[in-house]
Protein backbone atom coordinates (compact mmCIF):
# COMPACT_ATOMS: atom_id res chain seq x y z
CA UNK A 1 0.00 0.00 0.00
CA UNK A 2 1.16 3.52 -0.72
CA UNK A 3 0.35 6.57 1.40
CA UNK A 4 0.34 9.80 -0.61
CA UNK A 5 0.25 13.14 1.19
CA UNK A 6 1.39 16.73 0.82
CA UNK A 7 4.24 18.53 2.58
CA UNK A 8 2.19 19.17 5.70
CA UNK A 9 2.46 15.49 6.64
CA UNK A 10 6.25 15.34 6.32
CA UNK A 11 7.35 14.10 9.74
CA UNK A 12 9.82 11.40 10.69
CA UNK A 13 7.38 9.85 13.18
CA UNK A 14 4.68 9.53 10.52
CA UNK A 15 7.11 8.00 8.03
CA UNK A 16 8.21 5.43 10.65
CA UNK A 17 4.58 4.60 11.41
CA UNK A 18 3.85 4.05 7.72
CA UNK A 19 6.89 1.77 7.44
CA UNK A 20 5.75 -0.30 10.44
CA UNK A 21 2.50 -0.92 8.56
CA UNK A 22 4.61 -2.27 5.67
CA UNK A 23 3.56 0.59 3.40
CA UNK A 24 5.42 3.14 1.33
CA UNK A 25 5.23 6.88 1.97
CA UNK A 26 4.97 9.19 -1.05
CA UNK A 27 5.21 12.47 0.85
CA UNK A 28 7.00 15.53 -0.48
CA UNK A 29 9.72 16.77 1.85
CA UNK A 30 9.43 20.22 3.31
CA UNK A 31 11.83 22.71 1.79
CA UNK A 32 13.37 23.40 5.20
CA UNK A 33 13.93 19.69 5.88
CA UNK A 34 17.57 18.59 5.83
CA UNK A 35 16.72 15.15 4.42
CA UNK A 36 14.98 15.31 1.03
CA UNK A 37 12.99 12.17 0.15
CA UNK A 38 12.31 11.19 -3.44
CA UNK A 39 8.72 10.91 -4.65
CA UNK A 40 7.30 9.17 -7.70
CA UNK A 41 5.81 11.97 -9.79
CA UNK A 42 3.32 9.69 -11.54
CA UNK A 43 1.86 8.54 -8.20
CA UNK A 44 1.91 12.02 -6.67
CA UNK A 45 -0.03 13.48 -9.61
CA UNK A 46 -2.94 11.17 -8.79
CA UNK A 47 -3.28 12.93 -5.42
CA UNK A 48 -4.44 15.97 -7.36
CA UNK A 49 -7.39 13.98 -8.76
CA UNK A 50 -8.48 12.98 -5.27
CA UNK A 51 -8.16 16.55 -3.98
CA UNK A 52 -10.33 17.76 -6.87
CA UNK A 53 -12.94 15.10 -6.11
CA UNK A 54 -13.23 16.35 -2.52
CA UNK A 55 -13.46 19.94 -3.76
CA UNK A 56 -16.31 19.03 -6.13
CA UNK A 57 -18.07 17.09 -3.37
CA UNK A 58 -17.96 20.11 -1.05
CA UNK A 59 -19.65 22.30 -3.67
CA UNK A 60 -22.94 20.65 -2.70
CA UNK A 61 -23.90 22.27 0.57
CA UNK A 62 -25.46 19.13 2.03
CA UNK A 63 -22.29 17.07 1.74
CA UNK A 64 -19.89 19.92 2.53
CA UNK A 65 -21.48 20.66 5.90
CA UNK A 66 -22.82 17.14 6.61
CA UNK A 67 -26.34 17.89 7.74
CA UNK A 68 -27.16 14.18 7.91
CA UNK A 69 -26.87 12.49 11.28
CA UNK A 70 -26.79 8.90 10.03
CA UNK A 71 -23.78 7.57 8.17
CA UNK A 72 -26.05 5.76 5.69
CA UNK A 73 -27.86 8.96 4.77
CA UNK A 74 -24.61 10.87 4.38
CA UNK A 75 -23.18 8.09 2.22
CA UNK A 76 -26.26 8.23 -0.01
CA UNK A 77 -25.97 12.03 -0.33
CA UNK A 78 -22.28 11.70 -1.12
CA UNK A 79 -22.98 9.09 -3.81
CA UNK A 80 -25.67 11.32 -5.29
CA UNK A 81 -23.22 14.24 -5.27
CA UNK A 82 -20.66 12.26 -7.29
CA UNK A 83 -23.32 10.96 -9.70
CA UNK A 84 -24.53 14.51 -10.40
CA UNK A 85 -20.93 15.63 -10.92
CA UNK A 86 -20.31 12.70 -13.29
CA UNK A 87 -23.46 13.41 -15.34
CA UNK A 88 -22.80 17.16 -15.62
CA UNK A 89 -19.14 16.81 -16.59
C-alpha atoms as a PDB file:
ATOM      1  CA  UNK A   1       0.000   0.000   0.000  1.00  0.00           C
ATOM      2  CA  UNK A   2       1.163   3.522  -0.722  1.00  0.00           C
ATOM      3  CA  UNK A   3       0.345   6.567   1.400  1.00  0.00           C
ATOM      4  CA  UNK A   4       0.343   9.796  -0.614  1.00  0.00           C
ATOM      5  CA  UNK A   5       0.252  13.139   1.192  1.00  0.00           C
ATOM      6  CA  UNK A   6       1.390  16.725   0.817  1.00  0.00           C
ATOM      7  CA  UNK A   7       4.237  18.526   2.576  1.00  0.00           C
ATOM      8  CA  UNK A   8       2.188  19.168   5.704  1.00  0.00           C
ATOM      9  CA  UNK A   9       2.460  15.487   6.642  1.00  0.00           C
ATOM     10  CA  UNK A  10       6.248  15.340   6.318  1.00  0.00           C
ATOM     11  CA  UNK A  11       7.347  14.098   9.739  1.00  0.00           C
ATOM     12  CA  UNK A  12       9.820  11.404  10.688  1.00  0.00           C
ATOM     13  CA  UNK A  13       7.385   9.851  13.175  1.00  0.00           C
ATOM     14  CA  UNK A  14       4.678   9.535  10.516  1.00  0.00           C
ATOM     15  CA  UNK A  15       7.112   8.003   8.033  1.00  0.00           C
ATOM     16  CA  UNK A  16       8.211   5.433  10.650  1.00  0.00           C
ATOM     17  CA  UNK A  17       4.575   4.600  11.413  1.00  0.00           C
ATOM     18  CA  UNK A  18       3.852   4.053   7.720  1.00  0.00           C
ATOM     19  CA  UNK A  19       6.890   1.773   7.438  1.00  0.00           C
ATOM     20  CA  UNK A  20       5.752  -0.305  10.440  1.00  0.00           C
ATOM     21  CA  UNK A  21       2.500  -0.920   8.559  1.00  0.00           C
ATOM     22  CA  UNK A  22       4.614  -2.265   5.674  1.00  0.00           C
ATOM     23  CA  UNK A  23       3.556   0.587   3.404  1.00  0.00           C
ATOM     24  CA  UNK A  24       5.424   3.137   1.330  1.00  0.00           C
ATOM     25  CA  UNK A  25       5.230   6.884   1.969  1.00  0.00           C
ATOM     26  CA  UNK A  26       4.972   9.187  -1.051  1.00  0.00           C
ATOM     27  CA  UNK A  27       5.209  12.471   0.849  1.00  0.00           C
ATOM     28  CA  UNK A  28       6.999  15.530  -0.483  1.00  0.00           C
ATOM     29  CA  UNK A  29       9.717  16.768   1.851  1.00  0.00           C
ATOM     30  CA  UNK A  30       9.434  20.225   3.308  1.00  0.00           C
ATOM     31  CA  UNK A  31      11.825  22.707   1.788  1.00  0.00           C
ATOM     32  CA  UNK A  32      13.370  23.398   5.195  1.00  0.00           C
ATOM     33  CA  UNK A  33      13.930  19.691   5.876  1.00  0.00           C
ATOM     34  CA  UNK A  34      17.568  18.593   5.831  1.00  0.00           C
ATOM     35  CA  UNK A  35      16.722  15.150   4.417  1.00  0.00           C
ATOM     36  CA  UNK A  36      14.978  15.308   1.032  1.00  0.00           C
ATOM     37  CA  UNK A  37      12.993  12.171   0.149  1.00  0.00           C
ATOM     38  CA  UNK A  38      12.313  11.192  -3.440  1.00  0.00           C
ATOM     39  CA  UNK A  39       8.720  10.913  -4.650  1.00  0.00           C
ATOM     40  CA  UNK A  40       7.300   9.165  -7.696  1.00  0.00           C
ATOM     41  CA  UNK A  41       5.810  11.975  -9.787  1.00  0.00           C
ATOM     42  CA  UNK A  42       3.325   9.688 -11.541  1.00  0.00           C
ATOM     43  CA  UNK A  43       1.860   8.545  -8.204  1.00  0.00           C
ATOM     44  CA  UNK A  44       1.914  12.022  -6.665  1.00  0.00           C
ATOM     45  CA  UNK A  45      -0.032  13.484  -9.615  1.00  0.00           C
ATOM     46  CA  UNK A  46      -2.939  11.169  -8.793  1.00  0.00           C
ATOM     47  CA  UNK A  47      -3.277  12.925  -5.422  1.00  0.00           C
ATOM     48  CA  UNK A  48      -4.440  15.971  -7.358  1.00  0.00           C
ATOM     49  CA  UNK A  49      -7.392  13.984  -8.763  1.00  0.00           C
ATOM     50  CA  UNK A  50      -8.477  12.983  -5.272  1.00  0.00           C
ATOM     51  CA  UNK A  51      -8.158  16.551  -3.980  1.00  0.00           C
ATOM     52  CA  UNK A  52     -10.330  17.763  -6.866  1.00  0.00           C
ATOM     53  CA  UNK A  53     -12.939  15.103  -6.106  1.00  0.00           C
ATOM     54  CA  UNK A  54     -13.227  16.353  -2.518  1.00  0.00           C
ATOM     55  CA  UNK A  55     -13.460  19.935  -3.762  1.00  0.00           C
ATOM     56  CA  UNK A  56     -16.310  19.027  -6.132  1.00  0.00           C
ATOM     57  CA  UNK A  57     -18.067  17.093  -3.366  1.00  0.00           C
ATOM     58  CA  UNK A  58     -17.962  20.114  -1.054  1.00  0.00           C
ATOM     59  CA  UNK A  59     -19.655  22.301  -3.670  1.00  0.00           C
ATOM     60  CA  UNK A  60     -22.939  20.653  -2.703  1.00  0.00           C
ATOM     61  CA  UNK A  61     -23.903  22.266   0.571  1.00  0.00           C
ATOM     62  CA  UNK A  62     -25.459  19.134   2.027  1.00  0.00           C
ATOM     63  CA  UNK A  63     -22.291  17.068   1.741  1.00  0.00           C
ATOM     64  CA  UNK A  64     -19.894  19.918   2.527  1.00  0.00           C
ATOM     65  CA  UNK A  65     -21.480  20.660   5.905  1.00  0.00           C
ATOM     66  CA  UNK A  66     -22.818  17.144   6.614  1.00  0.00           C
ATOM     67  CA  UNK A  67     -26.338  17.892   7.739  1.00  0.00           C
ATOM     68  CA  UNK A  68     -27.162  14.176   7.909  1.00  0.00           C
ATOM     69  CA  UNK A  69     -26.869  12.486  11.281  1.00  0.00           C
ATOM     70  CA  UNK A  70     -26.789   8.905  10.030  1.00  0.00           C
ATOM     71  CA  UNK A  71     -23.776   7.567   8.170  1.00  0.00           C
ATOM     72  CA  UNK A  72     -26.045   5.764   5.690  1.00  0.00           C
ATOM     73  CA  UNK A  73     -27.859   8.965   4.774  1.00  0.00           C
ATOM     74  CA  UNK A  74     -24.606  10.868   4.384  1.00  0.00           C
ATOM     75  CA  UNK A  75     -23.184   8.085   2.222  1.00  0.00           C
ATOM     76  CA  UNK A  76     -26.260   8.235  -0.014  1.00  0.00           C
ATOM     77  CA  UNK A  77     -25.970  12.025  -0.329  1.00  0.00           C
ATOM     78  CA  UNK A  78     -22.277  11.697  -1.121  1.00  0.00           C
ATOM     79  CA  UNK A  79     -22.983   9.092  -3.805  1.00  0.00           C
ATOM     80  CA  UNK A  80     -25.668  11.316  -5.289  1.00  0.00           C
ATOM     81  CA  UNK A  81     -23.221  14.236  -5.272  1.00  0.00           C
ATOM     82  CA  UNK A  82     -20.665  12.259  -7.293  1.00  0.00           C
ATOM     83  CA  UNK A  83     -23.317  10.961  -9.702  1.00  0.00           C
ATOM     84  CA  UNK A  84     -24.532  14.506 -10.396  1.00  0.00           C
ATOM     85  CA  UNK A  85     -20.934  15.627 -10.921  1.00  0.00           C
ATOM     86  CA  UNK A  86     -20.311  12.701 -13.293  1.00  0.00           C
ATOM     87  CA  UNK A  87     -23.462  13.414 -15.344  1.00  0.00           C
ATOM     88  CA  UNK A  88     -22.804  17.156 -15.616  1.00  0.00           C
ATOM     89  CA  UNK A  89     -19.144  16.813 -16.591  1.00  0.00           C
END
